[in-house]
Amino acid sequence: MRITKTSPFSGKVNTMELPITLQQIKRWERGECIQNVFPELTPGQREFILTGITDEEWAEHIGDD
Protein backbone atom coordinates (compact mmCIF):
# COMPACT_ATOMS: atom_id res chain seq x y z
CA MET A 1 0.00 0.00 0.00
CA ARG A 2 1.26 3.47 -0.86
CA ILE A 3 1.19 5.87 2.11
CA THR A 4 1.61 9.61 1.60
CA LYS A 5 2.24 11.96 4.53
CA THR A 6 3.54 15.49 5.00
CA SER A 7 6.65 15.87 7.14
CA PRO A 8 6.32 18.36 10.00
CA PHE A 9 10.09 18.98 9.74
CA SER A 10 10.26 20.04 6.12
CA GLY A 11 6.69 20.37 4.93
CA LYS A 12 7.67 17.96 2.16
CA VAL A 13 5.11 15.42 1.00
CA ASN A 14 6.68 11.96 1.28
CA THR A 15 5.35 8.70 -0.13
CA MET A 16 6.37 5.22 0.96
CA GLU A 17 5.26 1.86 -0.40
CA LEU A 18 4.63 -0.42 2.60
CA PRO A 19 3.59 -4.08 2.84
CA ILE A 20 0.41 -3.36 4.81
CA THR A 21 -3.33 -3.70 4.29
CA LEU A 22 -6.31 -1.42 4.64
CA GLN A 23 -7.56 -3.72 7.41
CA GLN A 24 -4.37 -3.07 9.38
CA ILE A 25 -4.72 0.69 8.90
CA LYS A 26 -8.28 0.54 10.24
CA ARG A 27 -7.17 -1.47 13.30
CA TRP A 28 -4.50 1.15 14.05
CA GLU A 29 -6.94 4.02 13.52
CA ARG A 30 -9.29 2.35 16.04
CA GLY A 31 -6.54 2.54 18.64
CA GLU A 32 -4.54 -0.67 18.49
CA CYS A 33 -0.83 -0.31 19.25
CA ILE A 34 1.13 0.35 16.06
CA GLN A 35 3.77 -2.27 16.98
CA ASN A 36 1.06 -4.92 17.28
CA VAL A 37 -0.74 -3.97 14.08
CA PHE A 38 2.39 -3.65 11.93
CA PRO A 39 4.97 -6.05 13.43
CA GLU A 40 6.55 -6.65 10.01
CA LEU A 41 7.52 -2.98 9.59
CA THR A 42 10.75 -1.44 10.77
CA PRO A 43 10.62 1.21 13.50
CA GLY A 44 11.36 3.81 10.83
CA GLN A 45 8.44 2.66 8.69
CA ARG A 46 6.10 2.81 11.67
CA GLU A 47 7.39 6.30 12.50
CA PHE A 48 6.60 7.35 8.95
CA ILE A 49 3.00 6.17 9.38
CA LEU A 50 2.74 8.10 12.65
CA THR A 51 4.44 11.35 11.64
CA GLY A 52 5.37 11.42 7.96
CA ILE A 53 9.03 11.79 8.91
CA THR A 54 11.46 9.59 6.95
CA ASP A 55 14.65 8.03 8.32
CA GLU A 56 16.63 10.46 6.15
CA GLU A 57 14.88 13.47 7.70
CA TRP A 58 15.50 12.17 11.22
CA ALA A 59 19.19 11.83 10.41
CA GLU A 60 19.30 15.32 8.90
CA HIS A 61 17.40 17.12 11.66
CA ILE A 62 18.23 15.08 14.76
CA GLY A 63 21.39 13.17 13.88
CA ASP A 64 22.25 9.50 13.46
CA ASP A 65 22.83 8.89 17.16
PDB file of N, CA and C in Angstrom:
ATOM      1  N   MET A   1       0.846  -1.164   0.000  1.00  0.00           N
ATOM      2  CA  MET A   1       0.000   0.000   0.000  1.00  0.00           C
ATOM      3  C   MET A   1       0.897   1.234   0.000  1.00  0.00           C
ATOM      4  N   ARG A   2       0.519   2.213  -0.787  1.00  0.00           N
ATOM      5  CA  ARG A   2       1.263   3.468  -0.861  1.00  0.00           C
ATOM      6  C   ARG A   2       0.694   4.433   0.183  1.00  0.00           C
ATOM      7  N   ILE A   3       1.570   4.932   1.059  1.00  0.00           N
ATOM      8  CA  ILE A   3       1.190   5.868   2.112  1.00  0.00           C
ATOM      9  C   ILE A   3       1.866   7.205   1.809  1.00  0.00           C
ATOM     10  N   THR A   4       1.092   8.274   1.837  1.00  0.00           N
ATOM     11  CA  THR A   4       1.614   9.614   1.599  1.00  0.00           C
ATOM     12  C   THR A   4       1.314  10.475   2.821  1.00  0.00           C
ATOM     13  N   LYS A   5       2.357  11.105   3.336  1.00  0.00           N
ATOM     14  CA  LYS A   5       2.239  11.957   4.529  1.00  0.00           C
ATOM     15  C   LYS A   5       3.084  13.207   4.316  1.00  0.00           C
ATOM     16  N   THR A   6       2.763  14.257   5.042  1.00  0.00           N
ATOM     17  CA  THR A   6       3.539  15.490   5.003  1.00  0.00           C
ATOM     18  C   THR A   6       4.416  15.566   6.242  1.00  0.00           C
ATOM     19  N   SER A   7       5.700  15.779   6.032  1.00  0.00           N
ATOM     20  CA  SER A   7       6.648  15.866   7.137  1.00  0.00           C
ATOM     21  C   SER A   7       6.484  17.180   7.890  1.00  0.00           C
ATOM     22  N   PRO A   8       6.376  17.116   9.217  1.00  0.00           N
ATOM     23  CA  PRO A   8       6.320  18.360  10.001  1.00  0.00           C
ATOM     24  C   PRO A   8       7.676  19.069  10.059  1.00  0.00           C
ATOM     25  N   PHE A   9       8.761  18.365   9.764  1.00  0.00           N
ATOM     26  CA  PHE A   9      10.086  18.978   9.742  1.00  0.00           C
ATOM     27  C   PHE A   9      10.254  19.885   8.536  1.00  0.00           C
ATOM     28  N   SER A  10       9.943  19.333   7.356  1.00  0.00           N
ATOM     29  CA  SER A  10      10.262  20.036   6.117  1.00  0.00           C
ATOM     30  C   SER A  10       9.045  20.551   5.369  1.00  0.00           C
ATOM     31  N   GLY A  11       7.882  20.038   5.701  1.00  0.00           N
ATOM     32  CA  GLY A  11       6.686  20.369   4.934  1.00  0.00           C
ATOM     33  C   GLY A  11       6.602  19.593   3.633  1.00  0.00           C
ATOM     34  N   LYS A  12       7.593  18.757   3.383  1.00  0.00           N
ATOM     35  CA  LYS A  12       7.669  17.956   2.164  1.00  0.00           C
ATOM     36  C   LYS A  12       6.653  16.819   2.233  1.00  0.00           C
ATOM     37  N   VAL A  13       6.021  16.551   1.108  1.00  0.00           N
ATOM     38  CA  VAL A  13       5.108  15.421   1.004  1.00  0.00           C
ATOM     39  C   VAL A  13       5.939  14.197   0.625  1.00  0.00           C
ATOM     40  N   ASN A  14       5.916  13.189   1.485  1.00  0.00           N
ATOM     41  CA  ASN A  14       6.682  11.958   1.283  1.00  0.00           C
ATOM     42  C   ASN A  14       5.727  10.796   1.030  1.00  0.00           C
ATOM     43  N   THR A  15       6.132   9.893   0.156  1.00  0.00           N
ATOM     44  CA  THR A  15       5.348   8.697  -0.128  1.00  0.00           C
ATOM     45  C   THR A  15       6.228   7.480   0.080  1.00  0.00           C
ATOM     46  N   MET A  16       5.652   6.460   0.710  1.00  0.00           N
ATOM     47  CA  MET A  16       6.371   5.217   0.963  1.00  0.00           C
ATOM     48  C   MET A  16       5.451   4.049   0.614  1.00  0.00           C
ATOM     49  N   GLU A  17       5.990   3.087  -0.089  1.00  0.00           N
ATOM     50  CA  GLU A  17       5.262   1.858  -0.402  1.00  0.00           C
ATOM     51  C   GLU A  17       5.536   0.877   0.741  1.00  0.00           C
ATOM     52  N   LEU A  18       4.480   0.458   1.429  1.00  0.00           N
ATOM     53  CA  LEU A  18       4.633  -0.415   2.597  1.00  0.00           C
ATOM     54  C   LEU A  18       3.809  -1.684   2.429  1.00  0.00           C
ATOM     55  N   PRO A  19       4.313  -2.811   2.951  1.00  0.00           N
ATOM     56  CA  PRO A  19       3.589  -4.081   2.838  1.00  0.00           C
ATOM     57  C   PRO A  19       2.509  -4.206   3.922  1.00  0.00           C
ATOM     58  N   ILE A  20       1.483  -3.367   3.813  1.00  0.00           N
ATOM     59  CA  ILE A  20       0.406  -3.359   4.806  1.00  0.00           C
ATOM     60  C   ILE A  20      -0.933  -3.384   4.091  1.00  0.00           C
ATOM     61  N   THR A  21      -1.991  -3.623   4.864  1.00  0.00           N
ATOM     62  CA  THR A  21      -3.331  -3.702   4.289  1.00  0.00           C
ATOM     63  C   THR A  21      -4.232  -2.607   4.850  1.00  0.00           C
ATOM     64  N   LEU A  22      -5.319  -2.368   4.165  1.00  0.00           N
ATOM     65  CA  LEU A  22      -6.313  -1.418   4.643  1.00  0.00           C
ATOM     66  C   LEU A  22      -6.895  -1.881   5.982  1.00  0.00           C
ATOM     67  N   GLN A  23      -7.064  -3.180   6.138  1.00  0.00           N
ATOM     68  CA  GLN A  23      -7.565  -3.720   7.405  1.00  0.00           C
ATOM     69  C   GLN A  23      -6.628  -3.355   8.561  1.00  0.00           C
ATOM     70  N   GLN A  24      -5.326  -3.444   8.341  1.00  0.00           N
ATOM     71  CA  GLN A  24      -4.370  -3.068   9.382  1.00  0.00           C
ATOM     72  C   GLN A  24      -4.477  -1.582   9.708  1.00  0.00           C
ATOM     73  N   ILE A  25      -4.580  -0.753   8.676  1.00  0.00           N
ATOM     74  CA  ILE A  25      -4.723   0.692   8.898  1.00  0.00           C
ATOM     75  C   ILE A  25      -5.946   0.971   9.766  1.00  0.00           C
ATOM     76  N   LYS A  26      -7.053   0.325   9.470  1.00  0.00           N
ATOM     77  CA  LYS A  26      -8.284   0.540  10.237  1.00  0.00           C
ATOM     78  C   LYS A  26      -8.114   0.106  11.688  1.00  0.00           C
ATOM     79  N   ARG A  27      -7.427  -1.019  11.925  1.00  0.00           N
ATOM     80  CA  ARG A  27      -7.175  -1.466  13.300  1.00  0.00           C
ATOM     81  C   ARG A  27      -6.373  -0.412  14.059  1.00  0.00           C
ATOM     82  N   TRP A  28      -5.341   0.125  13.415  1.00  0.00           N
ATOM     83  CA  TRP A  28      -4.504   1.146  14.048  1.00  0.00           C
ATOM     84  C   TRP A  28      -5.316   2.411  14.308  1.00  0.00           C
ATOM     85  N   GLU A  29      -6.115   2.819  13.346  1.00  0.00           N
ATOM     86  CA  GLU A  29      -6.939   4.018  13.522  1.00  0.00           C
ATOM     87  C   GLU A  29      -7.954   3.853  14.652  1.00  0.00           C
ATOM     88  N   ARG A  30      -8.356   2.604  14.932  1.00  0.00           N
ATOM     89  CA  ARG A  30      -9.290   2.351  16.042  1.00  0.00           C
ATOM     90  C   ARG A  30      -8.571   2.289  17.387  1.00  0.00           C
ATOM     91  N   GLY A  31      -7.251   2.433  17.379  1.00  0.00           N
ATOM     92  CA  GLY A  31      -6.536   2.545  18.645  1.00  0.00           C
ATOM     93  C   GLY A  31      -5.613   1.414  19.018  1.00  0.00           C
ATOM     94  N   GLU A  32      -5.484   0.407  18.165  1.00  0.00           N
ATOM     95  CA  GLU A  32      -4.544  -0.670  18.492  1.00  0.00           C
ATOM     96  C   GLU A  32      -3.112  -0.138  18.399  1.00  0.00           C
ATOM     97  N   CYS A  33      -2.236  -0.700  19.197  1.00  0.00           N
ATOM     98  CA  CYS A  33      -0.829  -0.307  19.247  1.00  0.00           C
ATOM     99  C   CYS A  33      -0.167  -0.554  17.887  1.00  0.00           C
ATOM    100  N   ILE A  34       0.535   0.446  17.393  1.00  0.00           N
ATOM    101  CA  ILE A  34       1.131   0.349  16.058  1.00  0.00           C
ATOM    102  C   ILE A  34       2.107  -0.822  15.943  1.00  0.00           C
ATOM    103  N   GLN A  35       2.828  -1.143  17.012  1.00  0.00           N
ATOM    104  CA  GLN A  35       3.768  -2.269  16.976  1.00  0.00           C
ATOM    105  C   GLN A  35       3.032  -3.598  16.820  1.00  0.00           C
ATOM    106  N   ASN A  36       1.839  -3.692  17.387  1.00  0.00           N
ATOM    107  CA  ASN A  36       1.061  -4.924  17.278  1.00  0.00           C
ATOM    108  C   ASN A  36       0.390  -5.054  15.920  1.00  0.00           C
ATOM    109  N   VAL A  37      -0.046  -3.948  15.363  1.00  0.00           N
ATOM    110  CA  VAL A  37      -0.745  -3.968  14.084  1.00  0.00           C
ATOM    111  C   VAL A  37       0.226  -4.176  12.923  1.00  0.00           C
ATOM    112  N   PHE A  38       1.415  -3.588  13.006  1.00  0.00           N
ATOM    113  CA  PHE A  38       2.394  -3.647  11.925  1.00  0.00           C
ATOM    114  C   PHE A  38       3.722  -4.251  12.397  1.00  0.00           C
ATOM    115  N   PRO A  39       3.724  -5.486  12.900  1.00  0.00           N
ATOM    116  CA  PRO A  39       4.968  -6.052  13.429  1.00  0.00           C
ATOM    117  C   PRO A  39       6.030  -6.278  12.354  1.00  0.00           C
ATOM    118  N   GLU A  40       5.604  -6.378  11.099  1.00  0.00           N
ATOM    119  CA  GLU A  40       6.551  -6.649  10.006  1.00  0.00           C
ATOM    120  C   GLU A  40       7.300  -5.393   9.555  1.00  0.00           C
ATOM    121  N   LEU A  41       6.862  -4.231   9.990  1.00  0.00           N
ATOM    122  CA  LEU A  41       7.520  -2.985   9.590  1.00  0.00           C
ATOM    123  C   LEU A  41       8.688  -2.651  10.502  1.00  0.00           C
ATOM    124  N   THR A  42       9.630  -1.917   9.959  1.00  0.00           N
ATOM    125  CA  THR A  42      10.753  -1.438  10.773  1.00  0.00           C
ATOM    126  C   THR A  42      10.266  -0.287  11.653  1.00  0.00           C
ATOM    127  N   PRO A  43      10.999   0.037  12.697  1.00  0.00           N
ATOM    128  CA  PRO A  43      10.622   1.206  13.498  1.00  0.00           C
ATOM    129  C   PRO A  43      10.521   2.486  12.653  1.00  0.00           C
ATOM    130  N   GLY A  44      11.406   2.639  11.685  1.00  0.00           N
ATOM    131  CA  GLY A  44      11.364   3.806  10.826  1.00  0.00           C
ATOM    132  C   GLY A  44      10.108   3.867   9.962  1.00  0.00           C
ATOM    133  N   GLN A  45       9.677   2.708   9.481  1.00  0.00           N
ATOM    134  CA  GLN A  45       8.445   2.662   8.692  1.00  0.00           C
ATOM    135  C   GLN A  45       7.229   2.990   9.553  1.00  0.00           C
ATOM    136  N   ARG A  46       7.218   2.480  10.773  1.00  0.00           N
ATOM    137  CA  ARG A  46       6.104   2.806  11.674  1.00  0.00           C
ATOM    138  C   ARG A  46       6.108   4.294  12.025  1.00  0.00           C
ATOM    139  N   GLU A  47       7.288   4.868  12.226  1.00  0.00           N
ATOM    140  CA  GLU A  47       7.394   6.303  12.502  1.00  0.00           C
ATOM    141  C   GLU A  47       6.853   7.110  11.327  1.00  0.00           C
ATOM    142  N   PHE A  48       7.124   6.654  10.121  1.00  0.00           N
ATOM    143  CA  PHE A  48       6.600   7.346   8.950  1.00  0.00           C
ATOM    144  C   PHE A  48       5.072   7.345   8.954  1.00  0.00           C
ATOM    145  N   ILE A  49       4.461   6.223   9.301  1.00  0.00           N
ATOM    146  CA  ILE A  49       2.996   6.166   9.381  1.00  0.00           C
ATOM    147  C   ILE A  49       2.491   7.150  10.430  1.00  0.00           C
ATOM    148  N   LEU A  50       3.158   7.208  11.563  1.00  0.00           N
ATOM    149  CA  LEU A  50       2.739   8.095  12.650  1.00  0.00           C
ATOM    150  C   LEU A  50       2.919   9.571  12.321  1.00  0.00           C
ATOM    151  N   THR A  51       4.071   9.935  11.747  1.00  0.00           N
ATOM    152  CA  THR A  51       4.436  11.348  11.644  1.00  0.00           C
ATOM    153  C   THR A  51       4.679  11.868  10.241  1.00  0.00           C
ATOM    154  N   GLY A  52       4.987  10.976   9.297  1.00  0.00           N
ATOM    155  CA  GLY A  52       5.367  11.416   7.959  1.00  0.00           C
ATOM    156  C   GLY A  52       6.847  11.733   7.840  1.00  0.00           C
ATOM    157  N   ILE A  53       7.594  11.508   8.910  1.00  0.00           N
ATOM    158  CA  ILE A  53       9.031  11.788   8.905  1.00  0.00           C
ATOM    159  C   ILE A  53       9.780  10.539   8.446  1.00  0.00           C
ATOM    160  N   THR A  54      10.669  10.709   7.462  1.00  0.00           N
ATOM    161  CA  THR A  54      11.457   9.593   6.953  1.00  0.00           C
ATOM    162  C   THR A  54      12.732   9.423   7.779  1.00  0.00           C
ATOM    163  N   ASP A  55      13.371   8.263   7.635  1.00  0.00           N
ATOM    164  CA  ASP A  55      14.651   8.031   8.315  1.00  0.00           C
ATOM    165  C   ASP A  55      15.680   9.082   7.914  1.00  0.00           C
ATOM    166  N   GLU A  56      15.675   9.471   6.635  1.00  0.00           N
ATOM    167  CA  GLU A  56      16.627  10.460   6.152  1.00  0.00           C
ATOM    168  C   GLU A  56      16.413  11.815   6.837  1.00  0.00           C
ATOM    169  N   GLU A  57      15.155  12.196   7.027  1.00  0.00           N
ATOM    170  CA  GLU A  57      14.877  13.466   7.698  1.00  0.00           C
ATOM    171  C   GLU A  57      15.283  13.420   9.163  1.00  0.00           C
ATOM    172  N   TRP A  58      15.051  12.285   9.834  1.00  0.00           N
ATOM    173  CA  TRP A  58      15.495  12.171  11.224  1.00  0.00           C
ATOM    174  C   TRP A  58      16.999  12.381  11.305  1.00  0.00           C
ATOM    175  N   ALA A  59      17.734  11.710  10.396  1.00  0.00           N
ATOM    176  CA  ALA A  59      19.195  11.826  10.407  1.00  0.00           C
ATOM    177  C   ALA A  59      19.636  13.263  10.151  1.00  0.00           C
ATOM    178  N   GLU A  60      18.948  13.940   9.240  1.00  0.00           N
ATOM    179  CA  GLU A  60      19.300  15.318   8.895  1.00  0.00           C
ATOM    180  C   GLU A  60      18.992  16.297  10.023  1.00  0.00           C
ATOM    181  N   HIS A  61      17.841  16.144  10.667  1.00  0.00           N
ATOM    182  CA  HIS A  61      17.400  17.121  11.664  1.00  0.00           C
ATOM    183  C   HIS A  61      17.821  16.775  13.090  1.00  0.00           C
ATOM    184  N   ILE A  62      17.933  15.502  13.396  1.00  0.00           N
ATOM    185  CA  ILE A  62      18.226  15.081  14.765  1.00  0.00           C
ATOM    186  C   ILE A  62      19.630  14.507  14.880  1.00  0.00           C
ATOM    187  N   GLY A  63      20.087  13.823  13.860  1.00  0.00           N
ATOM    188  CA  GLY A  63      21.390  13.168  13.884  1.00  0.00           C
ATOM    189  C   GLY A  63      21.222  11.669  13.866  1.00  0.00           C
ATOM    190  N   ASP A  64      22.278  10.968  13.573  1.00  0.00           N
ATOM    191  CA  ASP A  64      22.248   9.502  13.456  1.00  0.00           C
ATOM    192  C   ASP A  64      22.281   8.808  14.805  1.00  0.00           C
ATOM    193  N   ASP A  65      22.677   9.516  15.852  1.00  0.00           N
ATOM    194  CA  ASP A  65      22.830   8.887  17.158  1.00  0.00           C
ATOM    195  C   ASP A  65      21.481   8.710  17.728  1.00  0.00           C
TER     196      ASP A  65
END
